[in-house]
Structures are given as C-alpha cells and as structure tokens.
Amino acid sequence: MSRTVIYQSYTITSSPLHDAQDDQWKLRIFISWSIDGKTISRTFWMPVLYSTETEADIHGLAYGQRIVDGKVAGLELR
C-alpha cells in the first residue's frame, strides 16, 4: 500500500517496508518538490516498527508533514 498527499506544495508519499523477521512494518516516505522546473525528491525513514502497513502509512504521512513544517530537528528540505 502506498499513500500520497500534497502538503504545502510538497508531495509526500508513504511507502512502508515490511520486516518479515518481525512481521511488522517500517515507516518510509518520499518527499518531492519542484524548484525552477526541476523535481527534487528525498527519502526519509524511522527505525520504528508498526503492527500494520496502514499504521505505518498514517504515521509516515504525519512525519512527512512535520518535516515540511520544520518540526523535525536536523532535517531540512532545502
């Protein structure tokens, strides 16, 4: 499952990874934006495991919004 939202002109795509060893899901997101006609994309993840893919999706999109808002220390988009 993969979910995409547009948030403040950024495209945030959640694409969780399944951890077969623990049968849980890892949060992974891609954030994309355009500058001067060029598309830039960055990948982010967290070493947190979730019980379901849906839960990882929801938390991933929220994490992406916090990154865009500048609320995640040490992570900048530009």
Protein backbone atom coordinates (compact mmCIF):
# COMPACT_ATOMS: atom_id res chain seq x y z
CA MET A 1 0.00 0.00 0.00
CA SER A 2 1.22 3.46 -0.76
CA ARG A 3 -0.48 6.75 0.02
CA THR A 4 0.30 10.17 -1.37
CA VAL A 5 -0.74 13.61 -0.15
CA ILE A 6 0.05 17.12 -1.30
CA TYR A 7 1.02 19.29 1.65
CA GLN A 8 2.11 22.93 1.26
CA SER A 9 3.24 22.30 -2.36
CA TYR A 10 5.24 19.19 -1.34
CA THR A 11 4.27 15.69 -2.40
CA ILE A 12 4.58 13.21 0.46
CA THR A 13 4.41 9.54 -0.46
CA SER A 14 4.34 6.85 2.19
CA SER A 15 5.81 3.51 1.14
CA PRO A 16 6.22 1.29 4.22
CA LEU A 17 8.68 -1.59 4.25
CA HIS A 18 7.67 -4.99 5.58
CA ASP A 19 10.06 -6.52 8.11
CA ALA A 20 9.49 -10.24 7.55
CA GLN A 21 11.61 -11.19 10.54
CA ASP A 22 9.28 -9.40 12.97
CA ASP A 23 6.21 -9.38 10.69
CA GLN A 24 5.93 -5.64 11.25
CA TRP A 25 6.20 -2.50 9.13
CA LYS A 26 8.84 0.23 8.95
CA LEU A 27 7.97 3.81 8.12
CA ARG A 28 9.47 5.10 4.85
CA ILE A 29 8.45 8.24 2.98
CA PHE A 30 9.47 10.21 -0.07
CA ILE A 31 9.07 13.98 -0.15
CA SER A 32 9.21 15.71 -3.54
CA TRP A 33 9.01 19.34 -4.63
CA SER A 34 9.88 21.46 -7.64
CA ILE A 35 12.39 24.29 -7.89
CA ASP A 36 12.97 26.10 -11.18
CA GLY A 37 11.30 23.30 -13.14
CA LYS A 38 13.38 20.56 -11.52
CA THR A 39 11.85 17.93 -9.27
CA ILE A 40 13.77 17.13 -6.12
CA SER A 41 12.98 14.06 -4.02
CA ARG A 42 14.33 12.89 -0.68
CA THR A 43 13.75 9.68 1.22
CA PHE A 44 13.19 9.53 4.98
CA TRP A 45 12.61 6.65 7.38
CA MET A 46 12.45 5.94 11.07
CA PRO A 47 13.62 2.81 12.91
CA VAL A 48 10.17 2.36 14.43
CA LEU A 49 8.10 -0.76 13.81
CA TYR A 50 4.32 -0.72 13.36
CA SER A 51 1.87 -3.61 13.58
CA THR A 52 0.16 -2.86 10.28
CA GLU A 53 1.01 -1.30 6.96
CA THR A 54 -1.88 1.14 7.40
CA GLU A 55 -0.48 2.32 10.74
CA ALA A 56 2.96 2.85 9.15
CA ASP A 57 1.28 4.82 6.31
CA ILE A 58 -0.59 7.12 8.68
CA HIS A 59 2.46 7.80 10.84
CA GLY A 60 4.64 8.24 7.74
CA LEU A 61 2.41 10.94 6.26
CA ALA A 62 2.27 12.75 9.61
CA TYR A 63 6.07 12.51 9.89
CA GLY A 64 6.39 13.99 6.41
CA GLN A 65 4.18 16.92 7.35
CA ARG A 66 6.32 17.58 10.43
CA ILE A 67 9.45 17.55 8.24
CA VAL A 68 7.86 20.04 5.82
CA ASP A 69 6.86 22.23 8.78
CA GLY A 70 10.46 22.21 10.05
CA LYS A 71 9.50 20.43 13.26
CA VAL A 72 11.98 17.54 12.99
CA ALA A 73 15.36 18.55 14.37
CA GLY A 74 18.22 18.09 11.93
CA LEU A 75 16.05 17.54 8.86
CA GLU A 76 15.67 20.30 6.27
CA LEU A 77 14.29 20.08 2.77
CA ARG A 78 16.23 22.92 1.17
